[in-house]
Amino acid sequence: MKKSWFREWGWIYYPISWQGFVLTTLVLAFCVQTFIAIDQHSHSVSDTLYGVFPYIVPSILILLWVASKTTHKSPTTPYDP
């Protein structure tokens, strides 16, 4: 049986195993570090947003993709009228 890393909660996922916690922590640390590094050289808010977009959005999308592939699937019951 495959061990689940994340559990689905509405449209988001939250980690339920150590692998999920490590992956989420690494992605969040990368996003914060990228934001701080780009914000130091930016002259305005729009410079910061344009600078972090190519790094933060793909990393979060990759995290969501991994979470969707390693999530705990709840059993669904068919609709019987």
N, C-alpha and C. Protein backbone atom coordinates (compact mmCIF):
# COMPACT_ATOMS: atom_id res chain seq x y z
N MET A 1 0.84 -1.17 0.00
CA MET A 1 0.00 0.00 0.00
C MET A 1 0.88 1.24 0.00
N LYS A 2 0.52 2.21 -0.81
CA LYS A 2 1.29 3.43 -0.94
C LYS A 2 0.97 4.38 0.22
N LYS A 3 2.01 4.91 0.83
CA LYS A 3 1.83 5.85 1.94
C LYS A 3 1.51 7.23 1.40
N SER A 4 0.51 7.88 1.95
CA SER A 4 0.11 9.21 1.51
C SER A 4 0.97 10.27 2.19
N TRP A 5 1.35 11.28 1.43
CA TRP A 5 2.13 12.40 1.97
C TRP A 5 1.23 13.56 2.37
N PHE A 6 0.12 13.72 1.66
CA PHE A 6 -0.78 14.85 1.88
C PHE A 6 -2.20 14.36 2.01
N ARG A 7 -3.05 15.21 2.58
CA ARG A 7 -4.47 14.95 2.65
C ARG A 7 -5.18 16.15 2.02
N GLU A 8 -6.21 15.83 1.24
CA GLU A 8 -6.96 16.87 0.56
C GLU A 8 -7.91 17.54 1.53
N TRP A 9 -7.97 18.88 1.46
CA TRP A 9 -8.88 19.66 2.29
C TRP A 9 -9.45 20.77 1.42
N GLY A 10 -10.57 20.48 0.79
CA GLY A 10 -11.13 21.43 -0.16
C GLY A 10 -10.26 21.50 -1.40
N TRP A 11 -9.78 22.70 -1.69
CA TRP A 11 -8.91 22.90 -2.86
C TRP A 11 -7.44 22.86 -2.51
N ILE A 12 -7.11 22.72 -1.24
CA ILE A 12 -5.70 22.72 -0.85
C ILE A 12 -5.35 21.37 -0.24
N TYR A 13 -4.07 21.20 -0.01
CA TYR A 13 -3.56 19.97 0.58
C TYR A 13 -2.73 20.32 1.80
N TYR A 14 -2.79 19.46 2.82
CA TYR A 14 -1.91 19.67 3.96
C TYR A 14 -1.14 18.38 4.22
N PRO A 15 0.12 18.54 4.66
CA PRO A 15 0.97 17.36 4.83
C PRO A 15 0.54 16.51 6.02
N ILE A 16 0.66 15.19 5.83
CA ILE A 16 0.32 14.27 6.92
C ILE A 16 1.47 13.31 7.22
N SER A 17 2.57 13.40 6.48
CA SER A 17 3.73 12.56 6.75
C SER A 17 4.98 13.42 6.78
N TRP A 18 6.08 12.84 7.19
CA TRP A 18 7.30 13.62 7.29
C TRP A 18 7.78 14.05 5.91
N GLN A 19 7.52 13.26 4.87
CA GLN A 19 7.92 13.64 3.53
C GLN A 19 7.16 14.89 3.07
N GLY A 20 5.88 14.95 3.38
CA GLY A 20 5.08 16.11 3.03
C GLY A 20 5.51 17.36 3.78
N PHE A 21 5.84 17.19 5.07
CA PHE A 21 6.31 18.33 5.86
C PHE A 21 7.65 18.85 5.34
N VAL A 22 8.55 17.95 5.00
CA VAL A 22 9.87 18.37 4.49
C VAL A 22 9.72 19.09 3.16
N LEU A 23 8.92 18.53 2.26
CA LEU A 23 8.72 19.15 0.95
C LEU A 23 8.07 20.52 1.08
N THR A 24 7.06 20.65 1.91
CA THR A 24 6.39 21.93 2.12
C THR A 24 7.34 22.95 2.73
N THR A 25 8.14 22.53 3.70
CA THR A 25 9.10 23.43 4.33
C THR A 25 10.15 23.90 3.35
N LEU A 26 10.65 22.99 2.51
CA LEU A 26 11.65 23.37 1.52
C LEU A 26 11.10 24.36 0.50
N VAL A 27 9.88 24.15 0.04
CA VAL A 27 9.28 25.07 -0.93
C VAL A 27 9.03 26.43 -0.29
N LEU A 28 8.52 26.45 0.93
CA LEU A 28 8.29 27.73 1.60
C LEU A 28 9.60 28.47 1.89
N ALA A 29 10.63 27.73 2.30
CA ALA A 29 11.94 28.37 2.53
C ALA A 29 12.50 28.94 1.23
N PHE A 30 12.36 28.21 0.12
CA PHE A 30 12.80 28.72 -1.18
C PHE A 30 12.05 29.98 -1.56
N CYS A 31 10.73 30.00 -1.34
CA CYS A 31 9.93 31.18 -1.69
C CYS A 31 10.32 32.40 -0.86
N VAL A 32 10.53 32.20 0.43
CA VAL A 32 10.92 33.33 1.29
C VAL A 32 12.31 33.83 0.91
N GLN A 33 13.24 32.93 0.70
CA GLN A 33 14.59 33.33 0.33
C GLN A 33 14.60 34.06 -1.02
N THR A 34 13.84 33.59 -1.97
CA THR A 34 13.75 34.24 -3.28
C THR A 34 13.14 35.62 -3.15
N PHE A 35 12.08 35.74 -2.36
CA PHE A 35 11.46 37.04 -2.17
C PHE A 35 12.42 38.04 -1.55
N ILE A 36 13.15 37.62 -0.52
CA ILE A 36 14.09 38.52 0.15
C ILE A 36 15.21 38.94 -0.80
N ALA A 37 15.75 37.99 -1.56
CA ALA A 37 16.85 38.31 -2.48
C ALA A 37 16.41 39.25 -3.58
N ILE A 38 15.22 39.06 -4.11
CA ILE A 38 14.75 39.92 -5.20
C ILE A 38 14.30 41.27 -4.66
N ASP A 39 13.70 41.30 -3.48
CA ASP A 39 13.21 42.55 -2.91
C ASP A 39 14.35 43.50 -2.56
N GLN A 40 15.53 42.98 -2.26
CA GLN A 40 16.66 43.84 -1.94
C GLN A 40 17.10 44.70 -3.12
N HIS A 41 16.89 44.21 -4.34
CA HIS A 41 17.33 44.92 -5.52
C HIS A 41 16.19 45.59 -6.28
N SER A 42 14.99 45.52 -5.75
CA SER A 42 13.84 46.11 -6.43
C SER A 42 13.65 47.55 -6.01
N HIS A 43 13.08 48.33 -6.92
CA HIS A 43 12.83 49.74 -6.65
C HIS A 43 11.37 50.02 -6.35
N SER A 44 10.51 49.06 -6.63
CA SER A 44 9.08 49.25 -6.38
C SER A 44 8.42 47.90 -6.14
N VAL A 45 7.15 47.98 -5.78
CA VAL A 45 6.40 46.76 -5.54
C VAL A 45 6.25 45.96 -6.83
N SER A 46 6.03 46.66 -7.92
CA SER A 46 5.87 45.94 -9.19
C SER A 46 7.17 45.25 -9.61
N ASP A 47 8.32 45.87 -9.33
CA ASP A 47 9.60 45.20 -9.60
C ASP A 47 9.70 43.89 -8.81
N THR A 48 9.29 43.93 -7.55
CA THR A 48 9.35 42.74 -6.72
C THR A 48 8.40 41.66 -7.25
N LEU A 49 7.18 42.05 -7.60
CA LEU A 49 6.22 41.07 -8.10
C LEU A 49 6.67 40.46 -9.42
N TYR A 50 7.18 41.30 -10.33
CA TYR A 50 7.69 40.77 -11.60
C TYR A 50 8.92 39.89 -11.38
N GLY A 51 9.71 40.18 -10.38
CA GLY A 51 10.91 39.40 -10.12
C GLY A 51 10.64 38.05 -9.48
N VAL A 52 9.67 37.99 -8.56
CA VAL A 52 9.43 36.73 -7.86
C VAL A 52 8.49 35.80 -8.60
N PHE A 53 7.69 36.34 -9.50
CA PHE A 53 6.70 35.53 -10.20
C PHE A 53 7.29 34.31 -10.89
N PRO A 54 8.39 34.44 -11.66
CA PRO A 54 8.91 33.25 -12.36
C PRO A 54 9.50 32.18 -11.44
N TYR A 55 9.71 32.49 -10.18
CA TYR A 55 10.28 31.51 -9.25
C TYR A 55 9.22 30.93 -8.31
N ILE A 56 8.38 31.78 -7.77
CA ILE A 56 7.44 31.35 -6.74
C ILE A 56 6.27 30.58 -7.33
N VAL A 57 5.71 31.07 -8.42
CA VAL A 57 4.54 30.40 -8.99
C VAL A 57 4.87 28.98 -9.46
N PRO A 58 5.94 28.75 -10.22
CA PRO A 58 6.23 27.36 -10.60
C PRO A 58 6.55 26.45 -9.42
N SER A 59 7.22 26.98 -8.39
CA SER A 59 7.53 26.12 -7.25
C SER A 59 6.27 25.72 -6.50
N ILE A 60 5.31 26.62 -6.38
CA ILE A 60 4.05 26.29 -5.72
C ILE A 60 3.23 25.33 -6.59
N LEU A 61 3.26 25.54 -7.89
CA LEU A 61 2.55 24.61 -8.79
C LEU A 61 3.14 23.21 -8.73
N ILE A 62 4.46 23.11 -8.63
CA ILE A 62 5.09 21.80 -8.50
C ILE A 62 4.71 21.15 -7.17
N LEU A 63 4.67 21.95 -6.10
CA LEU A 63 4.24 21.43 -4.80
C LEU A 63 2.80 20.92 -4.87
N LEU A 64 1.92 21.67 -5.52
CA LEU A 64 0.53 21.23 -5.65
C LEU A 64 0.42 19.97 -6.51
N TRP A 65 1.25 19.87 -7.54
CA TRP A 65 1.21 18.68 -8.38
C TRP A 65 1.67 17.44 -7.60
N VAL A 66 2.77 17.58 -6.85
CA VAL A 66 3.25 16.46 -6.04
C VAL A 66 2.21 16.09 -4.99
N ALA A 67 1.60 17.11 -4.39
CA ALA A 67 0.57 16.84 -3.37
C ALA A 67 -0.62 16.12 -3.97
N SER A 68 -1.01 16.48 -5.18
CA SER A 68 -2.16 15.82 -5.80
C SER A 68 -1.84 14.38 -6.17
N LYS A 69 -0.58 14.07 -6.44
CA LYS A 69 -0.20 12.71 -6.80
C LYS A 69 0.03 11.82 -5.58
N THR A 70 0.29 12.42 -4.42
CA THR A 70 0.58 11.64 -3.21
C THR A 70 -0.46 11.89 -2.13
N THR A 71 -1.67 12.21 -2.52
CA THR A 71 -2.69 12.55 -1.54
C THR A 71 -3.49 11.32 -1.10
N HIS A 72 -4.09 11.45 0.05
CA HIS A 72 -4.98 10.42 0.58
C HIS A 72 -6.33 10.57 -0.11
N LYS A 73 -6.73 9.59 -0.86
CA LYS A 73 -8.01 9.64 -1.57
C LYS A 73 -9.11 9.12 -0.67
N SER A 74 -10.10 9.97 -0.45
CA SER A 74 -11.23 9.51 0.34
C SER A 74 -12.19 8.75 -0.56
N PRO A 75 -12.77 7.69 -0.05
CA PRO A 75 -13.68 6.90 -0.91
C PRO A 75 -14.91 7.71 -1.27
N THR A 76 -15.31 7.62 -2.50
CA THR A 76 -16.49 8.33 -2.95
C THR A 76 -17.62 7.32 -3.13
N THR A 77 -18.80 7.76 -2.79
CA THR A 77 -19.96 6.89 -2.95
C THR A 77 -20.76 7.37 -4.14
N PRO A 78 -21.22 6.44 -4.95
CA PRO A 78 -22.02 6.88 -6.10
C PRO A 78 -23.36 7.42 -5.66
N TYR A 79 -23.86 8.31 -6.46
CA TYR A 79 -25.15 8.93 -6.16
C TYR A 79 -26.27 8.00 -6.59
N ASP A 80 -27.10 7.61 -5.65
CA ASP A 80 -28.25 6.76 -5.95
C ASP A 80 -29.53 7.54 -5.68
N PRO A 81 -30.27 7.86 -6.73
CA PRO A 81 -31.52 8.64 -6.52
C PRO A 81 -32.61 7.82 -5.87
